[in-house]
PDB file of N, CA and C in Angstrom:
ATOM      1  N   MET A   1     237.415  13.643 172.531  1.00  0.00           N
ATOM      2  CA  MET A   1     236.220  14.106 173.191  1.00  0.00           C
ATOM      3  C   MET A   1     235.192  14.483 172.127  1.00  0.00           C
ATOM      4  N   ARG A   2     234.008  13.977 172.242  1.00  0.00           N
ATOM      5  CA  ARG A   2     232.935  14.276 171.293  1.00  0.00           C
ATOM      6  C   ARG A   2     231.942  15.214 171.950  1.00  0.00           C
ATOM      7  N   ILE A   3     231.534  16.209 171.189  1.00  0.00           N
ATOM      8  CA  ILE A   3     230.511  17.135 171.650  1.00  0.00           C
ATOM      9  C   ILE A   3     229.313  16.968 170.733  1.00  0.00           C
ATOM     10  N   PRO A   4     228.162  16.567 171.271  1.00  0.00           N
ATOM     11  CA  PRO A   4     226.996  16.377 170.407  1.00  0.00           C
ATOM     12  C   PRO A   4     226.525  17.711 169.836  1.00  0.00           C
ATOM     13  N   VAL A   5     226.216  17.698 168.559  1.00  0.00           N
ATOM     14  CA  VAL A   5     225.732  18.891 167.872  1.00  0.00           C
ATOM     15  C   VAL A   5     224.504  18.501 167.074  1.00  0.00           C
ATOM     16  N   ALA A   6     223.456  19.278 167.183  1.00  0.00           N
ATOM     17  CA  ALA A   6     222.234  19.022 166.414  1.00  0.00           C
ATOM     18  C   ALA A   6     222.195  20.002 165.248  1.00  0.00           C
ATOM     19  N   ALA A   7     222.440  19.503 164.064  1.00  0.00           N
ATOM     20  CA  ALA A   7     222.417  20.343 162.865  1.00  0.00           C
ATOM     21  C   ALA A   7     220.978  20.712 162.534  1.00  0.00           C
ATOM     22  N   PRO A   8     220.774  21.903 161.957  1.00  0.00           N
ATOM     23  CA  PRO A   8     219.432  22.243 161.480  1.00  0.00           C
ATOM     24  C   PRO A   8     218.973  21.212 160.453  1.00  0.00           C
ATOM     25  N   ASP A   9     217.670  20.977 160.381  1.00  0.00           N
ATOM     26  CA  ASP A   9     217.131  19.938 159.495  1.00  0.00           C
ATOM     27  C   ASP A   9     217.553  20.127 158.040  1.00  0.00           C
ATOM     28  N   GLU A  10     217.490  21.355 157.538  1.00  0.00           N
ATOM     29  CA  GLU A  10     217.858  21.586 156.137  1.00  0.00           C
ATOM     30  C   GLU A  10     219.336  21.278 155.897  1.00  0.00           C
ATOM     31  N   THR A  11     220.173  21.701 156.822  1.00  0.00           N
ATOM     32  CA  THR A  11     221.607  21.423 156.700  1.00  0.00           C
ATOM     33  C   THR A  11     221.860  19.923 156.721  1.00  0.00           C
ATOM     34  N   LEU A  12     221.232  19.235 157.653  1.00  0.00           N
ATOM     35  CA  LEU A  12     221.413  17.790 157.767  1.00  0.00           C
ATOM     36  C   LEU A  12     220.946  17.077 156.504  1.00  0.00           C
ATOM     37  N   ALA A  13     219.823  17.511 155.949  1.00  0.00           N
ATOM     38  CA  ALA A  13     219.309  16.883 154.726  1.00  0.00           C
ATOM     39  C   ALA A  13     220.290  17.060 153.571  1.00  0.00           C
ATOM     40  N   ARG A  14     220.846  18.243 153.438  1.00  0.00           N
ATOM     41  CA  ARG A  14     221.792  18.492 152.343  1.00  0.00           C
ATOM     42  C   ARG A  14     223.086  17.701 152.546  1.00  0.00           C
ATOM     43  N   MET A  15     223.545  17.627 153.788  1.00  0.00           N
ATOM     44  CA  MET A  15     224.752  16.850 154.059  1.00  0.00           C
ATOM     45  C   MET A  15     224.491  15.368 153.802  1.00  0.00           C
ATOM     46  N   ALA A  16     223.317  14.888 154.189  1.00  0.00           N
ATOM     47  CA  ALA A  16     222.959  13.485 153.958  1.00  0.00           C
ATOM     48  C   ALA A  16     222.930  13.182 152.469  1.00  0.00           C
ATOM     49  N   GLN A  17     222.434  14.123 151.680  1.00  0.00           N
ATOM     50  CA  GLN A  17     222.378  13.937 150.232  1.00  0.00           C
ATOM     51  C   GLN A  17     223.786  13.763 149.657  1.00  0.00           C
ATOM     52  N   VAL A  18     224.723  14.549 150.138  1.00  0.00           N
ATOM     53  CA  VAL A  18     226.094  14.502 149.622  1.00  0.00           C
ATOM     54  C   VAL A  18     226.770  13.177 149.948  1.00  0.00           C
ATOM     55  N   VAL A  19     226.525  12.653 151.139  1.00  0.00           N
ATOM     56  CA  VAL A  19     227.208  11.422 151.557  1.00  0.00           C
ATOM     57  C   VAL A  19     226.343  10.175 151.394  1.00  0.00           C
ATOM     58  N   ASN A  20     225.236  10.316 150.648  1.00  0.00           N
ATOM     59  CA  ASN A  20     224.356   9.191 150.314  1.00  0.00           C
ATOM     60  C   ASN A  20     223.730   8.502 151.525  1.00  0.00           C
ATOM     61  N   VAL A  21     223.322   9.295 152.511  1.00  0.00           N
ATOM     62  CA  VAL A  21     222.533   8.768 153.620  1.00  0.00           C
ATOM     63  C   VAL A  21     221.078   8.828 153.178  1.00  0.00           C
ATOM     64  N   SER A  22     220.335   7.769 153.388  1.00  0.00           N
ATOM     65  CA  SER A  22     218.942   7.720 152.922  1.00  0.00           C
ATOM     66  C   SER A  22     218.005   8.420 153.903  1.00  0.00           C
ATOM     67  N   ALA A  23     216.836   8.775 153.401  1.00  0.00           N
ATOM     68  CA  ALA A  23     215.806   9.379 154.248  1.00  0.00           C
ATOM     69  C   ALA A  23     215.387   8.393 155.341  1.00  0.00           C
ATOM     70  N   ASP A  24     215.328   7.106 155.013  1.00  0.00           N
ATOM     71  CA  ASP A  24     214.977   6.096 156.021  1.00  0.00           C
ATOM     72  C   ASP A  24     216.003   6.064 157.151  1.00  0.00           C
ATOM     73  N   GLN A  25     217.270   6.209 156.807  1.00  0.00           N
ATOM     74  CA  GLN A  25     218.307   6.223 157.841  1.00  0.00           C
ATOM     75  C   GLN A  25     218.132   7.433 158.757  1.00  0.00           C
ATOM     76  N   LEU A  26     217.766   8.578 158.187  1.00  0.00           N
ATOM     77  CA  LEU A  26     217.513   9.758 159.014  1.00  0.00           C
ATOM     78  C   LEU A  26     216.311   9.527 159.928  1.00  0.00           C
ATOM     79  N   ARG A  27     215.272   8.892 159.410  1.00  0.00           N
ATOM     80  CA  ARG A  27     214.084   8.601 160.225  1.00  0.00           C
ATOM     81  C   ARG A  27     214.439   7.661 161.388  1.00  0.00           C
ATOM     82  N   GLN A  28     215.312   6.693 161.125  1.00  0.00           N
ATOM     83  CA  GLN A  28     215.696   5.723 162.158  1.00  0.00           C
ATOM     84  C   GLN A  28     216.391   6.388 163.337  1.00  0.00           C
ATOM     85  N   VAL A  29     217.021   7.530 163.108  1.00  0.00           N
ATOM     86  CA  VAL A  29     217.711   8.222 164.201  1.00  0.00           C
ATOM     87  C   VAL A  29     216.913   9.427 164.705  1.00  0.00           C
ATOM     88  N   GLY A  30     215.618   9.449 164.357  1.00  0.00           N
ATOM     89  CA  GLY A  30     214.740  10.479 164.887  1.00  0.00           C
ATOM     90  C   GLY A  30     214.778  11.821 164.181  1.00  0.00           C
ATOM     91  N   ARG A  31     215.267  11.863 162.951  1.00  0.00           N
ATOM     92  CA  ARG A  31     215.334  13.128 162.204  1.00  0.00           C
ATOM     93  C   ARG A  31     214.353  13.097 161.035  1.00  0.00           C
ATOM     94  N   SER A  32     213.054  12.951 161.363  1.00  0.00           N
ATOM     95  CA  SER A  32     212.032  12.803 160.323  1.00  0.00           C
ATOM     96  C   SER A  32     211.850  14.064 159.484  1.00  0.00           C
ATOM     97  N   ILE A  33     212.002  15.242 160.070  1.00  0.00           N
ATOM     98  CA  ILE A  33     211.869  16.474 159.278  1.00  0.00           C
ATOM     99  C   ILE A  33     213.002  16.554 158.259  1.00  0.00           C
ATOM    100  N   ALA A  34     214.217  16.245 158.692  1.00  0.00           N
ATOM    101  CA  ALA A  34     215.349  16.230 157.760  1.00  0.00           C
ATOM    102  C   ALA A  34     215.121  15.175 156.679  1.00  0.00           C
ATOM    103  N   ALA A  35     214.516  14.051 157.046  1.00  0.00           N
ATOM    104  CA  ALA A  35     214.224  12.994 156.066  1.00  0.00           C
ATOM    105  C   ALA A  35     213.236  13.486 155.018  1.00  0.00           C
ATOM    106  N   GLU A  36     212.208  14.215 155.451  1.00  0.00           N
ATOM    107  CA  GLU A  36     211.241  14.771 154.500  1.00  0.00           C
ATOM    108  C   GLU A  36     211.921  15.757 153.550  1.00  0.00           C
ATOM    109  N   LEU A  37     212.796  16.589 154.108  1.00  0.00           N
ATOM    110  CA  LEU A  37     213.525  17.544 153.266  1.00  0.00           C
ATOM    111  C   LEU A  37     214.432  16.814 152.281  1.00  0.00           C
ATOM    112  N   LEU A  38     215.048  15.723 152.732  1.00  0.00           N
ATOM    113  CA  LEU A  38     215.893  14.934 151.843  1.00  0.00           C
ATOM    114  C   LEU A  38     215.064  14.331 150.717  1.00  0.00           C
ATOM    115  N   ASP A  39     213.869  13.857 151.037  1.00  0.00           N
ATOM    116  CA  ASP A  39     212.975  13.336 149.995  1.00  0.00           C
ATOM    117  C   ASP A  39     212.652  14.416 148.964  1.00  0.00           C
ATOM    118  N   GLU A  40     212.432  15.637 149.433  1.00  0.00           N
ATOM    119  CA  GLU A  40     212.159  16.751 148.515  1.00  0.00           C
ATOM    120  C   GLU A  40     213.370  17.035 147.629  1.00  0.00           C
ATOM    121  N   LEU A  41     214.563  16.978 148.228  1.00  0.00           N
ATOM    122  CA  LEU A  41     215.785  17.216 147.447  1.00  0.00           C
ATOM    123  C   LEU A  41     215.985  16.135 146.388  1.00  0.00           C
ATOM    124  N   ALA A  42     215.552  14.918 146.698  1.00  0.00           N
ATOM    125  CA  ALA A  42     215.739  13.798 145.774  1.00  0.00           C
ATOM    126  C   ALA A  42     214.680  13.762 144.680  1.00  0.00           C
ATOM    127  N   ALA A  43     213.660  14.598 144.810  1.00  0.00           N
ATOM    128  CA  ALA A  43     212.591  14.628 143.801  1.00  0.00           C
ATOM    129  C   ALA A  43     213.157  15.085 142.463  1.00  0.00           C
ATOM    130  N   PRO A  44     212.529  14.667 141.356  1.00  0.00           N
ATOM    131  CA  PRO A  44     213.011  15.093 140.038  1.00  0.00           C
ATOM    132  C   PRO A  44     213.015  16.613 139.931  1.00  0.00           C
ATOM    133  N   PRO A  45     213.972  17.179 139.180  1.00  0.00           N
ATOM    134  CA  PRO A  45     214.034  18.634 139.056  1.00  0.00           C
ATOM    135  C   PRO A  45     212.786  19.182 138.376  1.00  0.00           C
ATOM    136  N   THR A  46     212.412  20.365 138.789  1.00  0.00           N
ATOM    137  CA  THR A  46     211.256  21.023 138.181  1.00  0.00           C
ATOM    138  C   THR A  46     211.704  21.779 136.941  1.00  0.00           C
ATOM    139  N   ALA A  47     210.750  22.250 136.158  1.00  0.00           N
ATOM    140  CA  ALA A  47     211.072  22.991 134.939  1.00  0.00           C
ATOM    141  C   ALA A  47     211.844  24.263 135.254  1.00  0.00           C
ATOM    142  N   ALA A  48     211.649  24.818 136.448  1.00  0.00           N
ATOM    143  CA  ALA A  48     212.327  26.063 136.813  1.00  0.00           C
ATOM    144  C   ALA A  48     213.803  25.846 137.112  1.00  0.00           C
ATOM    145  N   SER A  49     214.196  24.624 137.470  1.00  0.00           N
ATOM    146  CA  SER A  49     215.603  24.372 137.777  1.00  0.00           C
ATOM    147  C   SER A  49     216.346  23.950 136.523  1.00  0.00           C
ATOM    148  N   THR A  50     217.624  24.290 136.501  1.00  0.00           N
ATOM    149  CA  THR A  50     218.448  23.961 135.345  1.00  0.00           C
ATOM    150  C   THR A  50     219.462  22.903 135.750  1.00  0.00           C
ATOM    151  N   PRO A  51     219.287  21.648 135.301  1.00  0.00           N
ATOM    152  CA  PRO A  51     220.263  20.616 135.653  1.00  0.00           C
ATOM    153  C   PRO A  51     221.650  20.998 135.153  1.00  0.00           C
ATOM    154  N   GLY A  52     222.635  20.728 135.979  1.00  0.00           N
ATOM    155  CA  GLY A  52     224.011  21.012 135.583  1.00  0.00           C
ATOM    156  C   GLY A  52     224.456  22.420 135.908  1.00  0.00           C
ATOM    157  N   ALA A  53     223.541  23.267 136.375  1.00  0.00           N
ATOM    158  CA  ALA A  53     223.933  24.623 136.756  1.00  0.00           C
ATOM    159  C   ALA A  53     224.793  24.535 138.008  1.00  0.00           C
ATOM    160  N   PRO A  54     225.758  25.441 138.161  1.00  0.00           N
ATOM    161  CA  PRO A  54     226.631  25.371 139.335  1.00  0.00           C
ATOM    162  C   PRO A  54     225.859  25.353 140.652  1.00  0.00           C
ATOM    163  N   ASP A  55     224.727  26.046 140.735  1.00  0.00           N
ATOM    164  CA  ASP A  55     223.956  26.090 141.974  1.00  0.00           C
ATOM    165  C   ASP A  55     223.365  24.739 142.333  1.00  0.00           C
ATOM    166  N   SER A  56     223.183  23.851 141.351  1.00  0.00           N
ATOM    167  CA  SER A  56     222.524  22.584 141.629  1.00  0.00           C
ATOM    168  C   SER A  56     223.485  21.522 142.154  1.00  0.00           C
ATOM    169  N   ASN A  57     224.750  21.840 142.269  1.00  0.00           N
ATOM    170  CA  ASN A  57     225.724  20.898 142.789  1.00  0.00           C
ATOM    171  C   ASN A  57     225.430  20.637 144.268  1.00  0.00           C
ATOM    172  N   ALA A  58     225.157  19.402 144.622  1.00  0.00           N
ATOM    173  CA  ALA A  58     224.763  19.052 145.989  1.00  0.00           C
ATOM    174  C   ALA A  58     225.833  19.417 147.008  1.00  0.00           C
ATOM    175  N   GLN A  59     227.089  19.244 146.666  1.00  0.00           N
ATOM    176  CA  GLN A  59     228.154  19.582 147.605  1.00  0.00           C
ATOM    177  C   GLN A  59     228.187  21.077 147.881  1.00  0.00           C
ATOM    178  N   ILE A  60     228.044  21.881 146.837  1.00  0.00           N
ATOM    179  CA  ILE A  60     228.041  23.329 147.018  1.00  0.00           C
ATOM    180  C   ILE A  60     226.854  23.742 147.879  1.00  0.00           C
ATOM    181  N   GLU A  61     225.705  23.151 147.615  1.00  0.00           N
ATOM    182  CA  GLU A  61     224.510  23.471 148.401  1.00  0.00           C
ATOM    183  C   GLU A  61     224.708  23.100 149.871  1.00  0.00           C
ATOM    184  N   ALA A  62     225.293  21.937 150.127  1.00  0.00           N
ATOM    185  CA  ALA A  62     225.504  21.498 151.507  1.00  0.00           C
ATOM    186  C   ALA A  62     226.482  22.417 152.230  1.00  0.00           C
ATOM    187  N   ILE A  63     227.549  22.795 151.553  1.00  0.00           N
ATOM    188  CA  ILE A  63     228.538  23.686 152.164  1.00  0.00           C
ATOM    189  C   ILE A  63     227.930  25.056 152.416  1.00  0.00           C
ATOM    190  N   THR A  64     227.155  25.557 151.467  1.00  0.00           N
ATOM    191  CA  THR A  64     226.497  26.851 151.628  1.00  0.00           C
ATOM    192  C   THR A  64     225.558  26.828 152.829  1.00  0.00           C
ATOM    193  N   ALA A  65     224.794  25.758 152.957  1.00  0.00           N
ATOM    194  CA  ALA A  65     223.872  25.640 154.091  1.00  0.00           C
ATOM    195  C   ALA A  65     224.635  25.571 155.406  1.00  0.00           C
ATOM    196  N   LEU A  66     225.750  24.859 155.417  1.00  0.00           N
ATOM    197  CA  LEU A  66     226.553  24.755 156.628  1.00  0.00           C
ATOM    198  C   LEU A  66     227.167  26.102 156.989  1.00  0.00           C
ATOM    199  N   LEU A  67     227.675  26.830 155.996  1.00  0.00           N
ATOM    200  CA  LEU A  67     228.235  28.159 156.244  1.00  0.00           C
ATOM    201  C   LEU A  67     227.196  29.088 156.862  1.00  0.00           C
ATOM    202  N   ALA A  68     225.958  28.945 156.448  1.00  0.00           N
ATOM    203  CA  ALA A  68     224.891  29.807 156.954  1.00  0.00           C
ATOM    204  C   ALA A  68     224.636  29.590 158.445  1.00  0.00           C
ATOM    205  N   THR A  69     225.053  28.452 158.985  1.00  0.00           N
ATOM    206  CA  THR A  69     224.838  28.175 160.404  1.00  0.00           C
ATOM    207  C   THR A  69     225.948  28.741 161.278  1.00  0.00           C
ATOM    208  N   LEU A  70     227.032  29.215 160.679  1.00  0.00           N
ATOM    209  CA  LEU A  70     228.174  29.722 161.435  1.00  0.00           C
ATOM    210  C   LEU A  70     227.982  31.181 161.823  1.00  0.00           C
ATOM    211  N   SER A  71     228.673  31.582 162.885  1.00  0.00           N
ATOM    212  CA  SER A  71     228.650  32.999 163.257  1.00  0.00           C
ATOM    213  C   SER A  71     229.392  33.784 162.176  1.00  0.00           C
ATOM    214  N   PRO A  72     229.118  35.082 162.046  1.00  0.00           N
ATOM    215  CA  PRO A  72     229.796  35.872 161.008  1.00  0.00           C
ATOM    216  C   PRO A  72     231.322  35.815 161.112  1.00  0.00           C
ATOM    217  N   GLU A  73     231.850  35.809 162.332  1.00  0.00           N
ATOM    218  CA  GLU A  73     233.306  35.784 162.505  1.00  0.00           C
ATOM    219  C   GLU A  73     233.896  34.463 162.019  1.00  0.00           C
ATOM    220  N   VAL A  74     233.259  33.370 162.404  1.00  0.00           N
ATOM    221  CA  VAL A  74     233.756  32.050 162.001  1.00  0.00           C
ATOM    222  C   VAL A  74     233.613  31.877 160.492  1.00  0.00           C
ATOM    223  N   ARG A  75     232.476  32.311 159.941  1.00  0.00           N
ATOM    224  CA  ARG A  75     232.259  32.219 158.493  1.00  0.00           C
ATOM    225  C   ARG A  75     233.341  32.996 157.746  1.00  0.00           C
ATOM    226  N   GLN A  76     233.664  34.200 158.233  1.00  0.00           N
ATOM    227  CA  GLN A  76     234.694  35.017 157.582  1.00  0.00           C
ATOM    228  C   GLN A  76     236.047  34.303 157.615  1.00  0.00           C
ATOM    229  N   GLU A  77     236.378  33.665 158.732  1.00  0.00           N
ATOM    230  CA  GLU A  77     237.649  32.940 158.837  1.00  0.00           C
ATOM    231  C   GLU A  77     237.687  31.750 157.883  1.00  0.00           C
ATOM    232  N   VAL A  78     236.585  31.015 157.796  1.00  0.00           N
ATOM    233  CA  VAL A  78     236.522  29.876 156.870  1.00  0.00           C
ATOM    234  C   VAL A  78     236.718  30.356 155.437  1.00  0.00           C
ATOM    235  N   LEU A  79     236.016  31.409 155.065  1.00  0.00           N
ATOM    236  CA  LEU A  79     236.131  31.933 153.698  1.00  0.00           C
ATOM    237  C   LEU A  79     237.531  32.479 153.429  1.00  0.00           C
ATOM    238  N   ARG A  80     238.162  33.070 154.458  1.00  0.00           N
ATOM    239  CA  ARG A  80     239.536  33.562 154.290  1.00  0.00           C
ATOM    240  C   ARG A  80     240.480  32.395 154.000  1.00  0.00           C
ATOM    241  N   ARG A  81     240.320  31.313 154.739  1.00  0.00           N
ATOM    242  CA  ARG A  81     241.185  30.147 154.533  1.00  0.00           C
ATOM    243  C   ARG A  81     240.966  29.520 153.163  1.00  0.00           C
ATOM    244  N   ILE A  82     239.724  29.494 152.721  1.00  0.00           N
ATOM    245  CA  ILE A  82     239.424  28.913 151.415  1.00  0.00           C
ATOM    246  C   ILE A  82     240.037  29.738 150.298  1.00  0.00           C
ATOM    247  N   SER A  83     240.081  31.053 150.481  1.00  0.00           N
ATOM    248  CA  SER A  83     240.581  31.924 149.413  1.00  0.00           C
ATOM    249  C   SER A  83     242.103  31.939 149.318  1.00  0.00           C
ATOM    250  N   GLN A  84     242.806  31.350 150.278  1.00  0.00           N
ATOM    251  CA  GLN A  84     244.265  31.289 150.218  1.00  0.00           C
ATOM    252  C   GLN A  84     244.692  30.336 149.120  1.00  0.00           C
ATOM    253  N   PRO A  85     245.841  30.629 148.463  1.00  0.00           N
ATOM    254  CA  PRO A  85     246.317  29.704 147.429  1.00  0.00           C
ATOM    255  C   PRO A  85     246.659  28.352 148.050  1.00  0.00           C
ATOM    256  N   PRO A  86     246.415  27.277 147.320  1.00  0.00           N
ATOM    257  CA  PRO A  86     246.722  25.944 147.865  1.00  0.00           C
ATOM    258  C   PRO A  86     248.219  25.767 148.053  1.00  0.00           C
ATOM    259  N   ALA A  87     248.580  24.997 149.058  1.00  0.00           N
ATOM    260  CA  ALA A  87     249.989  24.701 149.305  1.00  0.00           C
ATOM    261  C   ALA A  87     250.457  23.655 148.308  1.00  0.00           C
ATOM    262  N   ASN A  88     251.733  23.770 147.891  1.00  0.00           N
ATOM    263  CA  ASN A  88     252.270  22.742 146.993  1.00  0.00           C
ATOM    264  C   ASN A  88     252.655  21.525 147.829  1.00  0.00           C
ATOM    265  N   GLU A  89     253.290  20.566 147.246  1.00  0.00           N
ATOM    266  CA  GLU A  89     253.565  19.297 147.934  1.00  0.00           C
ATOM    267  C   GLU A  89     254.422  19.465 149.177  1.00  0.00           C
ATOM    268  N   THR A  90     255.252  20.502 149.248  1.00  0.00           N
ATOM    269  CA  THR A  90     256.105  20.694 150.416  1.00  0.00           C
ATOM    270  C   THR A  90     255.400  21.479 151.505  1.00  0.00           C
ATOM    271  N   GLY A  91     254.149  21.876 151.259  1.00  0.00           N
ATOM    272  CA  GLY A  91     253.405  22.606 152.261  1.00  0.00           C
ATOM    273  C   GLY A  91     253.564  24.110 152.151  1.00  0.00           C
ATOM    274  N   GLN A  92     254.321  24.585 151.174  1.00  0.00           N
ATOM    275  CA  GLN A  92     254.509  26.011 150.987  1.00  0.00           C
ATOM    276  C   GLN A  92     253.561  26.500 149.915  1.00  0.00           C
ATOM    277  N   THR A  93     253.154  27.756 150.049  1.00  0.00           N
ATOM    278  CA  THR A  93     252.353  28.320 148.980  1.00  0.00           C
ATOM    279  C   THR A  93     253.270  28.646 147.821  1.00  0.00           C
ATOM    280  N   GLU A  94     252.707  28.818 146.660  1.00  0.00           N
ATOM    281  CA  GLU A  94     253.483  29.125 145.458  1.00  0.00           C
ATOM    282  C   GLU A  94     254.302  30.392 145.652  1.00  0.00           C
ATOM    283  N   SER A  95     253.731  31.423 146.298  1.00  0.00           N
ATOM    284  CA  SER A  95     254.460  32.676 146.485  1.00  0.00           C
ATOM    285  C   SER A  95     255.633  32.489 147.438  1.00  0.00           C
ATOM    286  N   GLN A  96     255.484  31.671 148.489  1.00  0.00           N
ATOM    287  CA  GLN A  96     256.598  31.398 149.391  1.00  0.00           C
ATOM    288  C   GLN A  96     257.707  30.665 148.648  1.00  0.00           C
ATOM    289  N   ASP A  97     257.335  29.713 147.820  1.00  0.00           N
ATOM    290  CA  ASP A  97     258.300  28.936 147.060  1.00  0.00           C
ATOM    291  C   ASP A  97     259.076  29.832 146.101  1.00  0.00           C
ATOM    292  N   ASN A  98     258.376  30.698 145.371  1.00  0.00           N
ATOM    293  CA  ASN A  98     259.031  31.613 144.435  1.00  0.00           C
ATOM    294  C   ASN A  98     259.936  32.586 145.162  1.00  0.00           C
ATOM    295  N   SER A  99     259.528  33.046 146.335  1.00  0.00           N
ATOM    296  CA  SER A  99     260.331  33.975 147.117  1.00  0.00           C
ATOM    297  C   SER A  99     261.652  33.331 147.513  1.00  0.00           C
ATOM    298  N   ARG A 100     261.634  32.086 147.907  1.00  0.00           N
ATOM    299  CA  ARG A 100     262.862  31.388 148.300  1.00  0.00           C
ATOM    300  C   ARG A 100     263.784  31.164 147.109  1.00  0.00           C
ATOM    301  N   ARG A 101     263.197  30.891 145.950  1.00  0.00           N
ATOM    302  CA  ARG A 101     264.017  30.699 144.755  1.00  0.00           C
ATOM    303  C   ARG A 101     264.753  31.980 144.392  1.00  0.00           C
ATOM    304  N   ARG A 102     264.058  33.135 144.498  1.00  0.00           N
ATOM    305  CA  ARG A 102     264.701  34.409 144.161  1.00  0.00           C
ATOM    306  C   ARG A 102     265.844  34.698 145.109  1.00  0.00           C
ATOM    307  N   LYS A 103     265.672  34.413 146.410  1.00  0.00           N
ATOM    308  CA  LYS A 103     266.721  34.671 147.391  1.00  0.00           C
ATOM    309  C   LYS A 103     267.927  33.776 147.136  1.00  0.00           C
ATOM    310  N   ALA A 104     267.697  32.560 146.672  1.00  0.00           N
ATOM    311  CA  ALA A 104     268.782  31.613 146.428  1.00  0.00           C
ATOM    312  C   ALA A 104     269.597  31.993 145.203  1.00  0.00           C
ATOM    313  N   SER A 105     269.036  32.754 144.288  1.00  0.00           N
ATOM    314  CA  SER A 105     269.735  33.108 143.042  1.00  0.00           C
ATOM    315  C   SER A 105     270.802  34.133 143.258  1.00  0.00           C
TER     316      SER A 105
END
């Protein structure tokens, strides 16, 4: 089941930048404001911006913009999940794996 969602123009422009959707493609689907914002994002960096700075990473910017559209509760849950240690290949976290090893000894 698909539920149509209209992303804010700035969010859509940043997401389009990350996945290499062109401004023309956005215009073709009726998102001309997002296309204009995408054109601005694609403009050469100004003297005030520092290329290579962590903030200039397009993926980080897109995720940050998307997080800003979430309710505080949902945003908190997303950030909680991100802060959890990654699961190893068996799907267990490192602490769960170490705990089982100690019990087996």
